[in-house]
Amino acid sequence: LQLVLITLGLLFNWNFSNLNGLDM
């Protein structure tokens, strides 16, 4: 749960447009 929350914080402000849904 903490791993997911921290990662969501990263996704909120960082550009991951090079990754699609399958990559995620």
mmCIF file of all heavy atoms, coordinates in Angstrom:
data_MODEL
# 
_entry.id   MODEL 
# 
loop_
_atom_site.group_PDB 
_atom_site.id 
_atom_site.type_symbol 
_atom_site.label_atom_id 
_atom_site.label_alt_id 
_atom_site.label_comp_id 
_atom_site.label_asym_id 
_atom_site.label_entity_id 
_atom_site.label_seq_id 
_atom_site.pdbx_PDB_ins_code 
_atom_site.Cartn_x 
_atom_site.Cartn_y 
_atom_site.Cartn_z 
_atom_site.occupancy 
_atom_site.B_iso_or_equiv 
_atom_site.pdbx_formal_charge 
_atom_site.auth_seq_id 
_atom_site.auth_comp_id 
_atom_site.auth_asym_id 
_atom_site.auth_atom_id 
_atom_site.pdbx_PDB_model_num 
ATOM 1   N N   . LEU A 1 1  ? 0.831  -1.211 0.000   1.00 0.00 ? 1  LEU A N   1 
ATOM 2   C CA  . LEU A 1 1  ? 0.000  0.000  0.000   1.00 0.00 ? 1  LEU A CA  1 
ATOM 3   C C   . LEU A 1 1  ? 0.864  1.258  0.000   1.00 0.00 ? 1  LEU A C   1 
ATOM 4   O O   . LEU A 1 1  ? 0.609  2.197  -0.772  1.00 0.00 ? 1  LEU A O   1 
ATOM 5   C CB  . LEU A 1 1  ? -0.923 -0.004 1.217   1.00 0.00 ? 1  LEU A CB  1 
ATOM 6   C CG  . LEU A 1 1  ? -1.828 1.223  1.384   1.00 0.00 ? 1  LEU A CG  1 
ATOM 7   C CD1 . LEU A 1 1  ? -2.752 1.371  0.187   1.00 0.00 ? 1  LEU A CD1 1 
ATOM 8   C CD2 . LEU A 1 1  ? -2.634 1.135  2.676   1.00 0.00 ? 1  LEU A CD2 1 
ATOM 9   N N   . GLN A 1 2  ? 1.888  1.280  0.834   1.00 0.00 ? 2  GLN A N   1 
ATOM 10  C CA  . GLN A 1 2  ? 2.786  2.444  0.848   1.00 0.00 ? 2  GLN A CA  1 
ATOM 11  C C   . GLN A 1 2  ? 3.542  2.567  -0.466  1.00 0.00 ? 2  GLN A C   1 
ATOM 12  O O   . GLN A 1 2  ? 3.756  3.676  -0.968  1.00 0.00 ? 2  GLN A O   1 
ATOM 13  C CB  . GLN A 1 2  ? 3.757  2.333  2.027   1.00 0.00 ? 2  GLN A CB  1 
ATOM 14  C CG  . GLN A 1 2  ? 3.113  2.603  3.365   1.00 0.00 ? 2  GLN A CG  1 
ATOM 15  C CD  . GLN A 1 2  ? 4.124  2.897  4.452   1.00 0.00 ? 2  GLN A CD  1 
ATOM 16  O OE1 . GLN A 1 2  ? 5.328  2.878  4.224   1.00 0.00 ? 2  GLN A OE1 1 
ATOM 17  N NE2 . GLN A 1 2  ? 3.632  3.174  5.653   1.00 0.00 ? 2  GLN A NE2 1 
ATOM 18  N N   . LEU A 1 3  ? 3.942  1.443  -1.033  1.00 0.00 ? 3  LEU A N   1 
ATOM 19  C CA  . LEU A 1 3  ? 4.629  1.458  -2.327  1.00 0.00 ? 3  LEU A CA  1 
ATOM 20  C C   . LEU A 1 3  ? 3.743  2.065  -3.402  1.00 0.00 ? 3  LEU A C   1 
ATOM 21  O O   . LEU A 1 3  ? 4.187  2.900  -4.201  1.00 0.00 ? 3  LEU A O   1 
ATOM 22  C CB  . LEU A 1 3  ? 5.028  0.024  -2.701  1.00 0.00 ? 3  LEU A CB  1 
ATOM 23  C CG  . LEU A 1 3  ? 5.698  -0.177 -4.063  1.00 0.00 ? 3  LEU A CG  1 
ATOM 24  C CD1 . LEU A 1 3  ? 7.046  0.529  -4.101  1.00 0.00 ? 3  LEU A CD1 1 
ATOM 25  C CD2 . LEU A 1 3  ? 5.877  -1.667 -4.345  1.00 0.00 ? 3  LEU A CD2 1 
ATOM 26  N N   . VAL A 1 4  ? 2.460  1.678  -3.423  1.00 0.00 ? 4  VAL A N   1 
ATOM 27  C CA  . VAL A 1 4  ? 1.515  2.199  -4.417  1.00 0.00 ? 4  VAL A CA  1 
ATOM 28  C C   . VAL A 1 4  ? 1.283  3.687  -4.211  1.00 0.00 ? 4  VAL A C   1 
ATOM 29  O O   . VAL A 1 4  ? 1.273  4.473  -5.173  1.00 0.00 ? 4  VAL A O   1 
ATOM 30  C CB  . VAL A 1 4  ? 0.188  1.428  -4.340  1.00 0.00 ? 4  VAL A CB  1 
ATOM 31  C CG1 . VAL A 1 4  ? -0.879 2.106  -5.193  1.00 0.00 ? 4  VAL A CG1 1 
ATOM 32  C CG2 . VAL A 1 4  ? 0.383  -0.008 -4.805  1.00 0.00 ? 4  VAL A CG2 1 
ATOM 33  N N   . LEU A 1 5  ? 1.106  4.116  -2.956  1.00 0.00 ? 5  LEU A N   1 
ATOM 34  C CA  . LEU A 1 5  ? 0.837  5.527  -2.675  1.00 0.00 ? 5  LEU A CA  1 
ATOM 35  C C   . LEU A 1 5  ? 2.017  6.415  -3.075  1.00 0.00 ? 5  LEU A C   1 
ATOM 36  O O   . LEU A 1 5  ? 1.832  7.496  -3.645  1.00 0.00 ? 5  LEU A O   1 
ATOM 37  C CB  . LEU A 1 5  ? 0.508  5.709  -1.190  1.00 0.00 ? 5  LEU A CB  1 
ATOM 38  C CG  . LEU A 1 5  ? -0.827 5.126  -0.715  1.00 0.00 ? 5  LEU A CG  1 
ATOM 39  C CD1 . LEU A 1 5  ? -0.988 5.305  0.790   1.00 0.00 ? 5  LEU A CD1 1 
ATOM 40  C CD2 . LEU A 1 5  ? -1.992 5.751  -1.458  1.00 0.00 ? 5  LEU A CD2 1 
ATOM 41  N N   . ILE A 1 6  ? 3.228  5.965  -2.766  1.00 0.00 ? 6  ILE A N   1 
ATOM 42  C CA  . ILE A 1 6  ? 4.419  6.745  -3.135  1.00 0.00 ? 6  ILE A CA  1 
ATOM 43  C C   . ILE A 1 6  ? 4.545  6.829  -4.648  1.00 0.00 ? 6  ILE A C   1 
ATOM 44  O O   . ILE A 1 6  ? 4.866  7.887  -5.210  1.00 0.00 ? 6  ILE A O   1 
ATOM 45  C CB  . ILE A 1 6  ? 5.685  6.123  -2.509  1.00 0.00 ? 6  ILE A CB  1 
ATOM 46  C CG1 . ILE A 1 6  ? 5.626  6.224  -0.984  1.00 0.00 ? 6  ILE A CG1 1 
ATOM 47  C CG2 . ILE A 1 6  ? 6.939  6.832  -3.023  1.00 0.00 ? 6  ILE A CG2 1 
ATOM 48  C CD1 . ILE A 1 6  ? 6.748  5.485  -0.276  1.00 0.00 ? 6  ILE A CD1 1 
ATOM 49  N N   . THR A 1 7  ? 4.273  5.709  -5.333  1.00 0.00 ? 7  THR A N   1 
ATOM 50  C CA  . THR A 1 7  ? 4.357  5.702  -6.793  1.00 0.00 ? 7  THR A CA  1 
ATOM 51  C C   . THR A 1 7  ? 3.306  6.621  -7.414  1.00 0.00 ? 7  THR A C   1 
ATOM 52  O O   . THR A 1 7  ? 3.570  7.305  -8.405  1.00 0.00 ? 7  THR A O   1 
ATOM 53  C CB  . THR A 1 7  ? 4.176  4.265  -7.321  1.00 0.00 ? 7  THR A CB  1 
ATOM 54  O OG1 . THR A 1 7  ? 5.137  3.404  -6.703  1.00 0.00 ? 7  THR A OG1 1 
ATOM 55  C CG2 . THR A 1 7  ? 4.365  4.219  -8.824  1.00 0.00 ? 7  THR A CG2 1 
ATOM 56  N N   . LEU A 1 8  ? 2.108  6.636  -6.830  1.00 0.00 ? 8  LEU A N   1 
ATOM 57  C CA  . LEU A 1 8  ? 1.070  7.544  -7.332  1.00 0.00 ? 8  LEU A CA  1 
ATOM 58  C C   . LEU A 1 8  ? 1.487  9.000  -7.164  1.00 0.00 ? 8  LEU A C   1 
ATOM 59  O O   . LEU A 1 8  ? 1.180  9.848  -8.017  1.00 0.00 ? 8  LEU A O   1 
ATOM 60  C CB  . LEU A 1 8  ? -0.250 7.285  -6.594  1.00 0.00 ? 8  LEU A CB  1 
ATOM 61  C CG  . LEU A 1 8  ? -0.983 5.987  -6.941  1.00 0.00 ? 8  LEU A CG  1 
ATOM 62  C CD1 . LEU A 1 8  ? -2.220 5.819  -6.070  1.00 0.00 ? 8  LEU A CD1 1 
ATOM 63  C CD2 . LEU A 1 8  ? -1.346 5.951  -8.415  1.00 0.00 ? 8  LEU A CD2 1 
ATOM 64  N N   . GLY A 1 9  ? 2.183  9.294  -6.045  1.00 0.00 ? 9  GLY A N   1 
ATOM 65  C CA  . GLY A 1 9  ? 2.715  10.639 -5.862  1.00 0.00 ? 9  GLY A CA  1 
ATOM 66  C C   . GLY A 1 9  ? 3.717  11.004 -6.942  1.00 0.00 ? 9  GLY A C   1 
ATOM 67  O O   . GLY A 1 9  ? 3.762  12.144 -7.420  1.00 0.00 ? 9  GLY A O   1 
ATOM 68  N N   . LEU A 1 10 ? 4.510  10.012 -7.360  1.00 0.00 ? 10 LEU A N   1 
ATOM 69  C CA  . LEU A 1 10 ? 5.469  10.224 -8.448  1.00 0.00 ? 10 LEU A CA  1 
ATOM 70  C C   . LEU A 1 10 ? 4.750  10.444 -9.777  1.00 0.00 ? 10 LEU A C   1 
ATOM 71  O O   . LEU A 1 10 ? 5.108  11.340 -10.553 1.00 0.00 ? 10 LEU A O   1 
ATOM 72  C CB  . LEU A 1 10 ? 6.411  9.021  -8.537  1.00 0.00 ? 10 LEU A CB  1 
ATOM 73  C CG  . LEU A 1 10 ? 7.456  9.024  -9.652  1.00 0.00 ? 10 LEU A CG  1 
ATOM 74  C CD1 . LEU A 1 10 ? 8.450  10.157 -9.447  1.00 0.00 ? 10 LEU A CD1 1 
ATOM 75  C CD2 . LEU A 1 10 ? 8.187  7.688  -9.702  1.00 0.00 ? 10 LEU A CD2 1 
ATOM 76  N N   . LEU A 1 11 ? 3.720  9.633  -10.038 1.00 0.00 ? 11 LEU A N   1 
ATOM 77  C CA  . LEU A 1 11 ? 2.981  9.747  -11.298 1.00 0.00 ? 11 LEU A CA  1 
ATOM 78  C C   . LEU A 1 11 ? 2.227  11.070 -11.403 1.00 0.00 ? 11 LEU A C   1 
ATOM 79  O O   . LEU A 1 11 ? 1.967  11.558 -12.508 1.00 0.00 ? 11 LEU A O   1 
ATOM 80  C CB  . LEU A 1 11 ? 1.992  8.581  -11.420 1.00 0.00 ? 11 LEU A CB  1 
ATOM 81  C CG  . LEU A 1 11 ? 2.589  7.183  -11.574 1.00 0.00 ? 11 LEU A CG  1 
ATOM 82  C CD1 . LEU A 1 11 ? 1.488  6.138  -11.550 1.00 0.00 ? 11 LEU A CD1 1 
ATOM 83  C CD2 . LEU A 1 11 ? 3.407  7.070  -12.844 1.00 0.00 ? 11 LEU A CD2 1 
ATOM 84  N N   . PHE A 1 12 ? 1.868  11.643 -10.253 1.00 0.00 ? 12 PHE A N   1 
ATOM 85  C CA  . PHE A 1 12 ? 1.078  12.872 -10.237 1.00 0.00 ? 12 PHE A CA  1 
ATOM 86  C C   . PHE A 1 12 ? 1.815  14.037 -10.883 1.00 0.00 ? 12 PHE A C   1 
ATOM 87  O O   . PHE A 1 12 ? 1.198  14.884 -11.539 1.00 0.00 ? 12 PHE A O   1 
ATOM 88  C CB  . PHE A 1 12 ? 0.722  13.225 -8.786  1.00 0.00 ? 12 PHE A CB  1 
ATOM 89  C CG  . PHE A 1 12 ? -0.149 14.434 -8.651  1.00 0.00 ? 12 PHE A CG  1 
ATOM 90  C CD1 . PHE A 1 12 ? -1.522 14.335 -8.814  1.00 0.00 ? 12 PHE A CD1 1 
ATOM 91  C CD2 . PHE A 1 12 ? 0.405  15.685 -8.364  1.00 0.00 ? 12 PHE A CD2 1 
ATOM 92  C CE1 . PHE A 1 12 ? -2.332 15.461 -8.689  1.00 0.00 ? 12 PHE A CE1 1 
ATOM 93  C CE2 . PHE A 1 12 ? -0.401 16.800 -8.249  1.00 0.00 ? 12 PHE A CE2 1 
ATOM 94  C CZ  . PHE A 1 12 ? -1.772 16.686 -8.410  1.00 0.00 ? 12 PHE A CZ  1 
ATOM 95  N N   . ASN A 1 13 ? 3.144  14.071 -10.732 1.00 0.00 ? 13 ASN A N   1 
ATOM 96  C CA  . ASN A 1 13 ? 3.879  15.255 -11.163 1.00 0.00 ? 13 ASN A CA  1 
ATOM 97  C C   . ASN A 1 13 ? 5.000  14.959 -12.158 1.00 0.00 ? 13 ASN A C   1 
ATOM 98  O O   . ASN A 1 13 ? 5.703  15.860 -12.563 1.00 0.00 ? 13 ASN A O   1 
ATOM 99  C CB  . ASN A 1 13 ? 4.475  15.964 -9.938  1.00 0.00 ? 13 ASN A CB  1 
ATOM 100 C CG  . ASN A 1 13 ? 4.824  17.408 -10.213 1.00 0.00 ? 13 ASN A CG  1 
ATOM 101 O OD1 . ASN A 1 13 ? 4.165  18.072 -10.996 1.00 0.00 ? 13 ASN A OD1 1 
ATOM 102 N ND2 . ASN A 1 13 ? 5.875  17.910 -9.590  1.00 0.00 ? 13 ASN A ND2 1 
ATOM 103 N N   . TRP A 1 14 ? 5.153  13.698 -12.528 1.00 0.00 ? 14 TRP A N   1 
ATOM 104 C CA  . TRP A 1 14 ? 6.220  13.327 -13.449 1.00 0.00 ? 14 TRP A CA  1 
ATOM 105 C C   . TRP A 1 14 ? 5.627  12.786 -14.739 1.00 0.00 ? 14 TRP A C   1 
ATOM 106 O O   . TRP A 1 14 ? 4.603  12.119 -14.736 1.00 0.00 ? 14 TRP A O   1 
ATOM 107 C CB  . TRP A 1 14 ? 7.158  12.295 -12.821 1.00 0.00 ? 14 TRP A CB  1 
ATOM 108 C CG  . TRP A 1 14 ? 8.028  12.883 -11.746 1.00 0.00 ? 14 TRP A CG  1 
ATOM 109 C CD1 . TRP A 1 14 ? 7.625  13.468 -10.589 1.00 0.00 ? 14 TRP A CD1 1 
ATOM 110 C CD2 . TRP A 1 14 ? 9.450  12.950 -11.752 1.00 0.00 ? 14 TRP A CD2 1 
ATOM 111 N NE1 . TRP A 1 14 ? 8.701  13.895 -9.857  1.00 0.00 ? 14 TRP A NE1 1 
ATOM 112 C CE2 . TRP A 1 14 ? 9.846  13.594 -10.547 1.00 0.00 ? 14 TRP A CE2 1 
ATOM 113 C CE3 . TRP A 1 14 ? 10.443 12.546 -12.634 1.00 0.00 ? 14 TRP A CE3 1 
ATOM 114 C CZ2 . TRP A 1 14 ? 11.168 13.823 -10.221 1.00 0.00 ? 14 TRP A CZ2 1 
ATOM 115 C CZ3 . TRP A 1 14 ? 11.765 12.761 -12.312 1.00 0.00 ? 14 TRP A CZ3 1 
ATOM 116 C CH2 . TRP A 1 14 ? 12.118 13.406 -11.124 1.00 0.00 ? 14 TRP A CH2 1 
ATOM 117 N N   . ASN A 1 15 ? 6.294  13.064 -15.812 1.00 0.00 ? 15 ASN A N   1 
ATOM 118 C CA  . ASN A 1 15 ? 5.789  12.680 -17.125 1.00 0.00 ? 15 ASN A CA  1 
ATOM 119 C C   . ASN A 1 15 ? 6.159  11.232 -17.457 1.00 0.00 ? 15 ASN A C   1 
ATOM 120 O O   . ASN A 1 15 ? 7.331  10.905 -17.611 1.00 0.00 ? 15 ASN A O   1 
ATOM 121 C CB  . ASN A 1 15 ? 6.374  13.625 -18.186 1.00 0.00 ? 15 ASN A CB  1 
ATOM 122 C CG  . ASN A 1 15 ? 5.884  13.267 -19.577 1.00 0.00 ? 15 ASN A CG  1 
ATOM 123 O OD1 . ASN A 1 15 ? 4.873  12.590 -19.735 1.00 0.00 ? 15 ASN A OD1 1 
ATOM 124 N ND2 . ASN A 1 15 ? 6.606  13.717 -20.587 1.00 0.00 ? 15 ASN A ND2 1 
ATOM 125 N N   . PHE A 1 16 ? 5.145  10.375 -17.548 1.00 0.00 ? 16 PHE A N   1 
ATOM 126 C CA  . PHE A 1 16 ? 5.351  8.974  -17.933 1.00 0.00 ? 16 PHE A CA  1 
ATOM 127 C C   . PHE A 1 16 ? 4.600  8.675  -19.227 1.00 0.00 ? 16 PHE A C   1 
ATOM 128 O O   . PHE A 1 16 ? 4.064  7.582  -19.403 1.00 0.00 ? 16 PHE A O   1 
ATOM 129 C CB  . PHE A 1 16 ? 4.858  8.041  -16.820 1.00 0.00 ? 16 PHE A CB  1 
ATOM 130 C CG  . PHE A 1 16 ? 5.812  7.919  -15.659 1.00 0.00 ? 16 PHE A CG  1 
ATOM 131 C CD1 . PHE A 1 16 ? 5.834  8.882  -14.668 1.00 0.00 ? 16 PHE A CD1 1 
ATOM 132 C CD2 . PHE A 1 16 ? 6.694  6.859  -15.574 1.00 0.00 ? 16 PHE A CD2 1 
ATOM 133 C CE1 . PHE A 1 16 ? 6.698  8.779  -13.594 1.00 0.00 ? 16 PHE A CE1 1 
ATOM 134 C CE2 . PHE A 1 16 ? 7.563  6.744  -14.513 1.00 0.00 ? 16 PHE A CE2 1 
ATOM 135 C CZ  . PHE A 1 16 ? 7.578  7.702  -13.517 1.00 0.00 ? 16 PHE A CZ  1 
ATOM 136 N N   . SER A 1 17 ? 4.568  9.638  -20.101 1.00 0.00 ? 17 SER A N   1 
ATOM 137 C CA  . SER A 1 17 ? 3.796  9.483  -21.335 1.00 0.00 ? 17 SER A CA  1 
ATOM 138 C C   . SER A 1 17 ? 4.377  8.418  -22.266 1.00 0.00 ? 17 SER A C   1 
ATOM 139 O O   . SER A 1 17 ? 3.687  7.945  -23.171 1.00 0.00 ? 17 SER A O   1 
ATOM 140 C CB  . SER A 1 17 ? 3.726  10.821 -22.075 1.00 0.00 ? 17 SER A CB  1 
ATOM 141 O OG  . SER A 1 17 ? 5.030  11.299 -22.367 1.00 0.00 ? 17 SER A OG  1 
ATOM 142 N N   . ASN A 1 18 ? 5.653  8.038  -22.056 1.00 0.00 ? 18 ASN A N   1 
ATOM 143 C CA  . ASN A 1 18 ? 6.254  7.019  -22.906 1.00 0.00 ? 18 ASN A CA  1 
ATOM 144 C C   . ASN A 1 18 ? 5.795  5.607  -22.534 1.00 0.00 ? 18 ASN A C   1 
ATOM 145 O O   . ASN A 1 18 ? 6.104  4.642  -23.233 1.00 0.00 ? 18 ASN A O   1 
ATOM 146 C CB  . ASN A 1 18 ? 7.777  7.093  -22.828 1.00 0.00 ? 18 ASN A CB  1 
ATOM 147 C CG  . ASN A 1 18 ? 8.303  6.798  -21.429 1.00 0.00 ? 18 ASN A CG  1 
ATOM 148 O OD1 . ASN A 1 18 ? 7.816  7.355  -20.436 1.00 0.00 ? 18 ASN A OD1 1 
ATOM 149 N ND2 . ASN A 1 18 ? 9.285  5.913  -21.342 1.00 0.00 ? 18 ASN A ND2 1 
ATOM 150 N N   . LEU A 1 19 ? 5.057  5.476  -21.407 1.00 0.00 ? 19 LEU A N   1 
ATOM 151 C CA  . LEU A 1 19 ? 4.580  4.166  -20.969 1.00 0.00 ? 19 LEU A CA  1 
ATOM 152 C C   . LEU A 1 19 ? 3.077  4.058  -21.220 1.00 0.00 ? 19 LEU A C   1 
ATOM 153 O O   . LEU A 1 19 ? 2.322  4.976  -20.924 1.00 0.00 ? 19 LEU A O   1 
ATOM 154 C CB  . LEU A 1 19 ? 4.863  3.963  -19.476 1.00 0.00 ? 19 LEU A CB  1 
ATOM 155 C CG  . LEU A 1 19 ? 6.328  4.031  -19.034 1.00 0.00 ? 19 LEU A CG  1 
ATOM 156 C CD1 . LEU A 1 19 ? 6.420  3.839  -17.531 1.00 0.00 ? 19 LEU A CD1 1 
ATOM 157 C CD2 . LEU A 1 19 ? 7.173  3.001  -19.765 1.00 0.00 ? 19 LEU A CD2 1 
ATOM 158 N N   . ASN A 1 20 ? 2.658  2.905  -21.757 1.00 0.00 ? 20 ASN A N   1 
ATOM 159 C CA  . ASN A 1 20 ? 1.227  2.682  -21.953 1.00 0.00 ? 20 ASN A CA  1 
ATOM 160 C C   . ASN A 1 20 ? 0.660  1.880  -20.778 1.00 0.00 ? 20 ASN A C   1 
ATOM 161 O O   . ASN A 1 20 ? 1.383  1.556  -19.822 1.00 0.00 ? 20 ASN A O   1 
ATOM 162 C CB  . ASN A 1 20 ? 0.967  1.967  -23.286 1.00 0.00 ? 20 ASN A CB  1 
ATOM 163 C CG  . ASN A 1 20 ? 1.762  0.670  -23.407 1.00 0.00 ? 20 ASN A CG  1 
ATOM 164 O OD1 . ASN A 1 20 ? 1.928  -0.059 -22.415 1.00 0.00 ? 20 ASN A OD1 1 
ATOM 165 N ND2 . ASN A 1 20 ? 2.235  0.372  -24.602 1.00 0.00 ? 20 ASN A ND2 1 
ATOM 166 N N   . GLY A 1 21 ? -0.608 1.555  -20.844 1.00 0.00 ? 21 GLY A N   1 
ATOM 167 C CA  . GLY A 1 21 ? -1.255 0.840  -19.748 1.00 0.00 ? 21 GLY A CA  1 
ATOM 168 C C   . GLY A 1 21 ? -0.642 -0.522 -19.486 1.00 0.00 ? 21 GLY A C   1 
ATOM 169 O O   . GLY A 1 21 ? -0.514 -0.950 -18.333 1.00 0.00 ? 21 GLY A O   1 
ATOM 170 N N   . LEU A 1 22 ? -0.248 -1.236 -20.561 1.00 0.00 ? 22 LEU A N   1 
ATOM 171 C CA  . LEU A 1 22 ? 0.361  -2.552 -20.401 1.00 0.00 ? 22 LEU A CA  1 
ATOM 172 C C   . LEU A 1 22 ? 1.705  -2.455 -19.692 1.00 0.00 ? 22 LEU A C   1 
ATOM 173 O O   . LEU A 1 22 ? 2.033  -3.285 -18.828 1.00 0.00 ? 22 LEU A O   1 
ATOM 174 C CB  . LEU A 1 22 ? 0.527  -3.213 -21.779 1.00 0.00 ? 22 LEU A CB  1 
ATOM 175 C CG  . LEU A 1 22 ? 1.018  -4.664 -21.773 1.00 0.00 ? 22 LEU A CG  1 
ATOM 176 C CD1 . LEU A 1 22 ? 0.010  -5.565 -21.080 1.00 0.00 ? 22 LEU A CD1 1 
ATOM 177 C CD2 . LEU A 1 22 ? 1.288  -5.130 -23.200 1.00 0.00 ? 22 LEU A CD2 1 
ATOM 178 N N   . ASP A 1 23 ? 2.489  -1.436 -20.037 1.00 0.00 ? 23 ASP A N   1 
ATOM 179 C CA  . ASP A 1 23 ? 3.782  -1.225 -19.373 1.00 0.00 ? 23 ASP A CA  1 
ATOM 180 C C   . ASP A 1 23 ? 3.587  -0.971 -17.879 1.00 0.00 ? 23 ASP A C   1 
ATOM 181 O O   . ASP A 1 23 ? 4.307  -1.525 -17.040 1.00 0.00 ? 23 ASP A O   1 
ATOM 182 C CB  . ASP A 1 23 ? 4.523  -0.046 -19.999 1.00 0.00 ? 23 ASP A CB  1 
ATOM 183 C CG  . ASP A 1 23 ? 4.943  -0.317 -21.434 1.00 0.00 ? 23 ASP A CG  1 
ATOM 184 O OD1 . ASP A 1 23 ? 5.142  -1.497 -21.771 1.00 0.00 ? 23 ASP A OD1 1 
ATOM 185 O OD2 . ASP A 1 23 ? 5.061  0.647  -22.206 1.00 0.00 ? 23 ASP A OD2 1 
ATOM 186 N N   . MET A 1 24 ? 2.616  -0.142 -17.543 1.00 0.00 ? 24 MET A N   1 
ATOM 187 C CA  . MET A 1 24 ? 2.350  0.162  -16.136 1.00 0.00 ? 24 MET A CA  1 
ATOM 188 C C   . MET A 1 24 ? 1.891  -1.079 -15.380 1.00 0.00 ? 24 MET A C   1 
ATOM 189 O O   . MET A 1 24 ? 2.266  -1.298 -14.222 1.00 0.00 ? 24 MET A O   1 
ATOM 190 C CB  . MET A 1 24 ? 1.283  1.255  -16.033 1.00 0.00 ? 24 MET A CB  1 
ATOM 191 C CG  . MET A 1 24 ? 1.665  2.572  -16.684 1.00 0.00 ? 24 MET A CG  1 
ATOM 192 S SD  . MET A 1 24 ? 3.125  3.329  -15.932 1.00 0.00 ? 24 MET A SD  1 
ATOM 193 C CE  . MET A 1 24 ? 2.466  3.794  -14.337 1.00 0.00 ? 24 MET A CE  1 
# 
